[in-house]
């Protein structure tokens, strides 16, 4: 498998789905923070678990990974820094058809995690298909300085407009969204300015 092959962008709905995170250190905790925004049923397996995990609500299993621990999970992420364990997990996931990501190890991934930023329901991601996570992070940081909190409110304004179009039986595919987006952003900025004064 070519770890740098063209990748298909997708956003997964993992709310209520069983997700396994193998690893309990600093990097694993960062992955857990990203996952928990999406409300999965998160289980963490690691012989050592960072104390910050105890406040996450995740199921914590403090032990080494055991064969076929991946069974029953929809998604698996490893952050062990142990190539032997990561390879075992990758092989098991591949044979069971489970999507797996191994932190900083594209050879043991069936998907990569883009750098991401959120403004309410607006999710913006940047990816290099695992070739340069540093570039993805730089793009995200650059966008974070450009895409302000008013974008979250604009998304809600536009969601209401979209729902109204659907209620009227209008296909949103035929709507010229550009002026509506500009107006929603202006309304959100005005609202934000009124609040800050």
C-alpha atoms as a PDB file:
ATOM      1  CA  UNK A   1       0.000   0.000   0.000  1.00  0.00           C
ATOM      2  CA  UNK A   2       1.333   3.436  -0.956  1.00  0.00           C
ATOM      3  CA  UNK A   3       0.985   5.652   2.156  1.00  0.00           C
ATOM      4  CA  UNK A   4       1.213   8.791   0.020  1.00  0.00           C
ATOM      5  CA  UNK A   5      -1.402   7.811  -2.567  1.00  0.00           C
ATOM      6  CA  UNK A   6      -4.137  10.318  -3.373  1.00  0.00           C
ATOM      7  CA  UNK A   7      -6.569  10.339  -0.466  1.00  0.00           C
ATOM      8  CA  UNK A   8     -10.321  10.787  -0.460  1.00  0.00           C
ATOM      9  CA  UNK A   9     -11.395  13.562   1.931  1.00  0.00           C
ATOM     10  CA  UNK A  10     -14.199  12.593   4.286  1.00  0.00           C
ATOM     11  CA  UNK A  11     -15.597  13.717   7.641  1.00  0.00           C
ATOM     12  CA  UNK A  12     -16.677  10.821   9.844  1.00  0.00           C
ATOM     13  CA  UNK A  13     -19.615  10.915  12.227  1.00  0.00           C
ATOM     14  CA  UNK A  14     -18.242   8.950  15.188  1.00  0.00           C
ATOM     15  CA  UNK A  15     -20.777  10.119  17.763  1.00  0.00           C
ATOM     16  CA  UNK A  16     -21.698   7.119  19.906  1.00  0.00           C
ATOM     17  CA  UNK A  17     -19.366   4.828  17.940  1.00  0.00           C
ATOM     18  CA  UNK A  18     -16.748   2.657  19.679  1.00  0.00           C
ATOM     19  CA  UNK A  19     -13.288   4.125  19.065  1.00  0.00           C
ATOM     20  CA  UNK A  20     -10.020   2.681  20.393  1.00  0.00           C
ATOM     21  CA  UNK A  21      -6.956   4.757  21.196  1.00  0.00           C
ATOM     22  CA  UNK A  22      -3.845   2.709  21.974  1.00  0.00           C
ATOM     23  CA  UNK A  23      -1.330   4.817  23.875  1.00  0.00           C
ATOM     24  CA  UNK A  24      -1.555   6.960  26.965  1.00  0.00           C
ATOM     25  CA  UNK A  25       1.081   9.658  26.612  1.00  0.00           C
ATOM     26  CA  UNK A  26       1.165  13.285  25.478  1.00  0.00           C
ATOM     27  CA  UNK A  27       0.523  12.567  21.790  1.00  0.00           C
ATOM     28  CA  UNK A  28      -2.260  10.098  22.598  1.00  0.00           C
ATOM     29  CA  UNK A  29      -3.873  12.706  24.834  1.00  0.00           C
ATOM     30  CA  UNK A  30      -3.824  15.224  21.965  1.00  0.00           C
ATOM     31  CA  UNK A  31      -5.536  12.634  19.744  1.00  0.00           C
ATOM     32  CA  UNK A  32      -8.107  11.993  22.494  1.00  0.00           C
ATOM     33  CA  UNK A  33      -8.911  15.712  22.697  1.00  0.00           C
ATOM     34  CA  UNK A  34      -9.582  15.782  18.950  1.00  0.00           C
ATOM     35  CA  UNK A  35     -11.722  12.643  19.114  1.00  0.00           C
ATOM     36  CA  UNK A  36     -13.759  13.667  22.151  1.00  0.00           C
ATOM     37  CA  UNK A  37     -15.094  16.767  20.379  1.00  0.00           C
ATOM     38  CA  UNK A  38     -17.048  14.256  18.276  1.00  0.00           C
ATOM     39  CA  UNK A  39     -18.507  12.291  21.243  1.00  0.00           C
ATOM     40  CA  UNK A  40     -17.379   8.738  20.472  1.00  0.00           C
ATOM     41  CA  UNK A  41     -17.388   5.902  22.986  1.00  0.00           C
ATOM     42  CA  UNK A  42     -13.637   6.199  23.519  1.00  0.00           C
ATOM     43  CA  UNK A  43     -11.538   3.431  25.045  1.00  0.00           C
ATOM     44  CA  UNK A  44      -7.854   3.980  25.848  1.00  0.00           C
ATOM     45  CA  UNK A  45      -5.440   1.080  26.306  1.00  0.00           C
ATOM     46  CA  UNK A  46      -1.931   1.737  27.593  1.00  0.00           C
ATOM     47  CA  UNK A  47       0.354   0.472  30.340  1.00  0.00           C
ATOM     48  CA  UNK A  48       0.915   4.090  31.389  1.00  0.00           C
ATOM     49  CA  UNK A  49      -1.856   6.673  31.158  1.00  0.00           C
ATOM     50  CA  UNK A  50      -1.343  10.420  31.455  1.00  0.00           C
ATOM     51  CA  UNK A  51      -3.345  11.741  34.413  1.00  0.00           C
ATOM     52  CA  UNK A  52      -5.237  14.153  32.132  1.00  0.00           C
ATOM     53  CA  UNK A  53      -7.103  11.166  30.639  1.00  0.00           C
ATOM     54  CA  UNK A  54      -8.969  10.643  33.922  1.00  0.00           C
ATOM     55  CA  UNK A  55     -11.077  13.773  33.317  1.00  0.00           C
ATOM     56  CA  UNK A  56     -12.075  12.806  29.753  1.00  0.00           C
ATOM     57  CA  UNK A  57     -14.816  10.278  30.468  1.00  0.00           C
ATOM     58  CA  UNK A  58     -13.027   7.716  28.281  1.00  0.00           C
ATOM     59  CA  UNK A  59     -12.863   4.076  29.377  1.00  0.00           C
ATOM     60  CA  UNK A  60      -9.279   3.586  30.557  1.00  0.00           C
ATOM     61  CA  UNK A  61      -7.622   0.162  30.459  1.00  0.00           C
ATOM     62  CA  UNK A  62      -4.166   0.306  32.003  1.00  0.00           C
ATOM     63  CA  UNK A  63      -2.256  -2.595  30.472  1.00  0.00           C
ATOM     64  CA  UNK A  64      -0.296  -3.573  27.369  1.00  0.00           C
ATOM     65  CA  UNK A  65      -2.175  -4.021  24.099  1.00  0.00           C
ATOM     66  CA  UNK A  66      -3.332  -7.649  23.694  1.00  0.00           C
ATOM     67  CA  UNK A  67      -4.033  -9.522  20.467  1.00  0.00           C
ATOM     68  CA  UNK A  68      -7.372  -8.607  18.911  1.00  0.00           C
ATOM     69  CA  UNK A  69      -8.162  -5.785  21.356  1.00  0.00           C
ATOM     70  CA  UNK A  70      -9.332  -3.967  18.201  1.00  0.00           C
ATOM     71  CA  UNK A  71     -12.350  -6.277  17.843  1.00  0.00           C
ATOM     72  CA  UNK A  72     -15.646  -4.411  18.050  1.00  0.00           C
ATOM     73  CA  UNK A  73     -14.220  -0.951  17.365  1.00  0.00           C
ATOM     74  CA  UNK A  74     -15.204   1.174  14.370  1.00  0.00           C
ATOM     75  CA  UNK A  75     -11.999   3.222  14.364  1.00  0.00           C
ATOM     76  CA  UNK A  76      -8.551   2.698  15.893  1.00  0.00           C
ATOM     77  CA  UNK A  77      -5.754   5.199  16.492  1.00  0.00           C
ATOM     78  CA  UNK A  78      -2.352   4.283  17.862  1.00  0.00           C
ATOM     79  CA  UNK A  79       0.150   6.584  19.540  1.00  0.00           C
ATOM     80  CA  UNK A  80       2.501   4.084  21.131  1.00  0.00           C
ATOM     81  CA  UNK A  81       5.896   4.955  19.572  1.00  0.00           C
ATOM     82  CA  UNK A  82       6.329   1.168  19.382  1.00  0.00           C
ATOM     83  CA  UNK A  83       6.596  -0.065  15.791  1.00  0.00           C
ATOM     84  CA  UNK A  84       6.062  -3.715  16.744  1.00  0.00           C
ATOM     85  CA  UNK A  85       2.794  -2.986  18.554  1.00  0.00           C
ATOM     86  CA  UNK A  86       1.667  -0.533  15.876  1.00  0.00           C
ATOM     87  CA  UNK A  87       2.350  -3.132  13.161  1.00  0.00           C
ATOM     88  CA  UNK A  88       0.358  -5.774  15.061  1.00  0.00           C
ATOM     89  CA  UNK A  89      -2.561  -3.361  15.436  1.00  0.00           C
ATOM     90  CA  UNK A  90      -2.345  -2.326  11.775  1.00  0.00           C
ATOM     91  CA  UNK A  91      -2.309  -5.965  10.602  1.00  0.00           C
ATOM     92  CA  UNK A  92      -5.271  -6.888  12.825  1.00  0.00           C
ATOM     93  CA  UNK A  93      -7.271  -3.858  11.693  1.00  0.00           C
ATOM     94  CA  UNK A  94      -6.520  -4.569   8.040  1.00  0.00           C
ATOM     95  CA  UNK A  95      -7.697  -8.177   8.386  1.00  0.00           C
ATOM     96  CA  UNK A  96     -10.886  -7.085  10.194  1.00  0.00           C
ATOM     97  CA  UNK A  97     -11.706  -4.128   7.920  1.00  0.00           C
ATOM     98  CA  UNK A  98     -11.235  -1.525  10.670  1.00  0.00           C
ATOM     99  CA  UNK A  99      -9.903   1.917   9.789  1.00  0.00           C
ATOM    100  CA  UNK A 100      -6.599   2.560  11.605  1.00  0.00           C
ATOM    101  CA  UNK A 101      -4.237   5.488  12.029  1.00  0.00           C
ATOM    102  CA  UNK A 102      -0.802   5.267  13.590  1.00  0.00           C
ATOM    103  CA  UNK A 103       0.558   8.605  14.798  1.00  0.00           C
ATOM    104  CA  UNK A 104       3.427   9.884  12.636  1.00  0.00           C
ATOM    105  CA  UNK A 105       3.657   6.569  10.765  1.00  0.00           C
ATOM    106  CA  UNK A 106       1.892   6.704   7.363  1.00  0.00           C
ATOM    107  CA  UNK A 107       3.035   3.165   6.486  1.00  0.00           C
ATOM    108  CA  UNK A 108       0.713   1.856   9.202  1.00  0.00           C
ATOM    109  CA  UNK A 109      -2.337   3.965   8.345  1.00  0.00           C
ATOM    110  CA  UNK A 110      -5.449   3.303   6.324  1.00  0.00           C
ATOM    111  CA  UNK A 111      -6.283   6.988   6.852  1.00  0.00           C
ATOM    112  CA  UNK A 112      -4.407  10.100   7.902  1.00  0.00           C
ATOM    113  CA  UNK A 113      -5.568  12.855  10.215  1.00  0.00           C
ATOM    114  CA  UNK A 114      -5.477  16.347   8.740  1.00  0.00           C
ATOM    115  CA  UNK A 115      -4.602  19.432  10.713  1.00  0.00           C
ATOM    116  CA  UNK A 116      -7.943  20.951  11.626  1.00  0.00           C
ATOM    117  CA  UNK A 117      -9.607  23.985  13.118  1.00  0.00           C
ATOM    118  CA  UNK A 118     -13.180  24.553  14.197  1.00  0.00           C
ATOM    119  CA  UNK A 119     -15.381  27.591  14.332  1.00  0.00           C
ATOM    120  CA  UNK A 120     -18.636  26.205  15.675  1.00  0.00           C
ATOM    121  CA  UNK A 121     -19.877  23.729  13.071  1.00  0.00           C
ATOM    122  CA  UNK A 122     -17.378  24.986  10.495  1.00  0.00           C
ATOM    123  CA  UNK A 123     -14.553  22.457  10.228  1.00  0.00           C
ATOM    124  CA  UNK A 124     -11.567  23.340   8.069  1.00  0.00           C
ATOM    125  CA  UNK A 125      -8.850  20.784   7.440  1.00  0.00           C
ATOM    126  CA  UNK A 126      -5.468  20.756   5.764  1.00  0.00           C
ATOM    127  CA  UNK A 127      -3.659  17.615   4.662  1.00  0.00           C
ATOM    128  CA  UNK A 128      -0.582  16.572   2.729  1.00  0.00           C
ATOM    129  CA  UNK A 129      -1.604  12.875   2.795  1.00  0.00           C
ATOM    130  CA  UNK A 130       0.923  12.335   5.569  1.00  0.00           C
ATOM    131  CA  UNK A 131       3.880  13.687   3.584  1.00  0.00           C
ATOM    132  CA  UNK A 132       4.413  16.844   5.681  1.00  0.00           C
ATOM    133  CA  UNK A 133       2.315  17.261   8.824  1.00  0.00           C
ATOM    134  CA  UNK A 134       4.322  20.439   9.525  1.00  0.00           C
ATOM    135  CA  UNK A 135       2.971  22.035   6.319  1.00  0.00           C
ATOM    136  CA  UNK A 136      -0.580  21.026   7.226  1.00  0.00           C
ATOM    137  CA  UNK A 137      -0.159  22.594  10.670  1.00  0.00           C
ATOM    138  CA  UNK A 138       1.277  25.769   9.151  1.00  0.00           C
ATOM    139  CA  UNK A 139      -1.707  26.105   6.817  1.00  0.00           C
ATOM    140  CA  UNK A 140      -4.078  25.578   9.758  1.00  0.00           C
ATOM    141  CA  UNK A 141      -2.275  28.229  11.840  1.00  0.00           C
ATOM    142  CA  UNK A 142      -2.421  30.676   8.964  1.00  0.00           C
ATOM    143  CA  UNK A 143      -6.163  30.102   8.552  1.00  0.00           C
ATOM    144  CA  UNK A 144      -6.787  30.418  12.293  1.00  0.00           C
ATOM    145  CA  UNK A 145      -5.583  34.010  12.022  1.00  0.00           C
ATOM    146  CA  UNK A 146      -7.942  34.663   9.109  1.00  0.00           C
ATOM    147  CA  UNK A 147     -11.114  32.740   9.960  1.00  0.00           C
ATOM    148  CA  UNK A 148     -12.532  34.412  13.060  1.00  0.00           C
ATOM    149  CA  UNK A 149     -15.311  33.424  15.473  1.00  0.00           C
ATOM    150  CA  UNK A 150     -17.898  35.270  13.377  1.00  0.00           C
ATOM    151  CA  UNK A 151     -17.724  32.374  10.912  1.00  0.00           C
ATOM    152  CA  UNK A 152     -19.450  30.125  13.479  1.00  0.00           C
ATOM    153  CA  UNK A 153     -22.424  32.498  13.644  1.00  0.00           C
ATOM    154  CA  UNK A 154     -22.464  32.867   9.850  1.00  0.00           C
ATOM    155  CA  UNK A 155     -22.757  29.072   9.505  1.00  0.00           C
ATOM    156  CA  UNK A 156     -25.838  29.114  11.751  1.00  0.00           C
ATOM    157  CA  UNK A 157     -27.411  31.941   9.734  1.00  0.00           C
ATOM    158  CA  UNK A 158     -26.786  30.009   6.522  1.00  0.00           C
ATOM    159  CA  UNK A 159     -28.096  26.760   8.022  1.00  0.00           C
ATOM    160  CA  UNK A 160     -31.373  28.547   8.801  1.00  0.00           C
ATOM    161  CA  UNK A 161     -31.551  29.905   5.234  1.00  0.00           C
ATOM    162  CA  UNK A 162     -30.882  26.427   3.833  1.00  0.00           C
ATOM    163  CA  UNK A 163     -33.642  24.940   6.007  1.00  0.00           C
ATOM    164  CA  UNK A 164     -36.029  27.669   4.808  1.00  0.00           C
ATOM    165  CA  UNK A 165     -35.225  26.883   1.162  1.00  0.00           C
ATOM    166  CA  UNK A 166     -35.867  23.180   1.798  1.00  0.00           C
ATOM    167  CA  UNK A 167     -39.165  23.991   3.557  1.00  0.00           C
ATOM    168  CA  UNK A 168     -40.230  25.919   0.436  1.00  0.00           C
ATOM    169  CA  UNK A 169     -39.248  22.984  -1.781  1.00  0.00           C
ATOM    170  CA  UNK A 170     -36.327  24.888  -3.348  1.00  0.00           C
ATOM    171  CA  UNK A 171     -33.206  22.936  -4.260  1.00  0.00           C
ATOM    172  CA  UNK A 172     -30.197  24.560  -2.597  1.00  0.00           C
ATOM    173  CA  UNK A 173     -28.103  23.420  -5.555  1.00  0.00           C
ATOM    174  CA  UNK A 174     -29.705  26.201  -7.612  1.00  0.00           C
ATOM    175  CA  UNK A 175     -29.146  28.984  -5.061  1.00  0.00           C
ATOM    176  CA  UNK A 176     -26.463  31.611  -5.646  1.00  0.00           C
ATOM    177  CA  UNK A 177     -24.844  31.297  -2.224  1.00  0.00           C
ATOM    178  CA  UNK A 178     -22.035  33.863  -2.666  1.00  0.00           C
ATOM    179  CA  UNK A 179     -24.122  36.966  -1.814  1.00  0.00           C
ATOM    180  CA  UNK A 180     -25.916  35.103   0.972  1.00  0.00           C
ATOM    181  CA  UNK A 181     -22.596  34.062   2.518  1.00  0.00           C
ATOM    182  CA  UNK A 182     -21.267  37.623   2.283  1.00  0.00           C
ATOM    183  CA  UNK A 183     -24.433  38.933   3.950  1.00  0.00           C
ATOM    184  CA  UNK A 184     -24.285  36.274   6.680  1.00  0.00           C
ATOM    185  CA  UNK A 185     -20.668  37.150   7.456  1.00  0.00           C
ATOM    186  CA  UNK A 186     -21.504  40.844   7.571  1.00  0.00           C
ATOM    187  CA  UNK A 187     -24.446  40.168   9.892  1.00  0.00           C
ATOM    188  CA  UNK A 188     -22.250  37.984  12.135  1.00  0.00           C
ATOM    189  CA  UNK A 189     -19.496  40.619  12.262  1.00  0.00           C
ATOM    190  CA  UNK A 190     -22.026  43.348  13.095  1.00  0.00           C
ATOM    191  CA  UNK A 191     -23.475  41.166  15.841  1.00  0.00           C
ATOM    192  CA  UNK A 192     -19.989  40.449  17.217  1.00  0.00           C
ATOM    193  CA  UNK A 193     -19.113  44.172  17.177  1.00  0.00           C
ATOM    194  CA  UNK A 194     -22.327  45.056  19.066  1.00  0.00           C
ATOM    195  CA  UNK A 195     -21.552  42.458  21.736  1.00  0.00           C
ATOM    196  CA  UNK A 196     -17.961  43.662  22.213  1.00  0.00           C
ATOM    197  CA  UNK A 197     -19.014  47.324  22.644  1.00  0.00           C
END
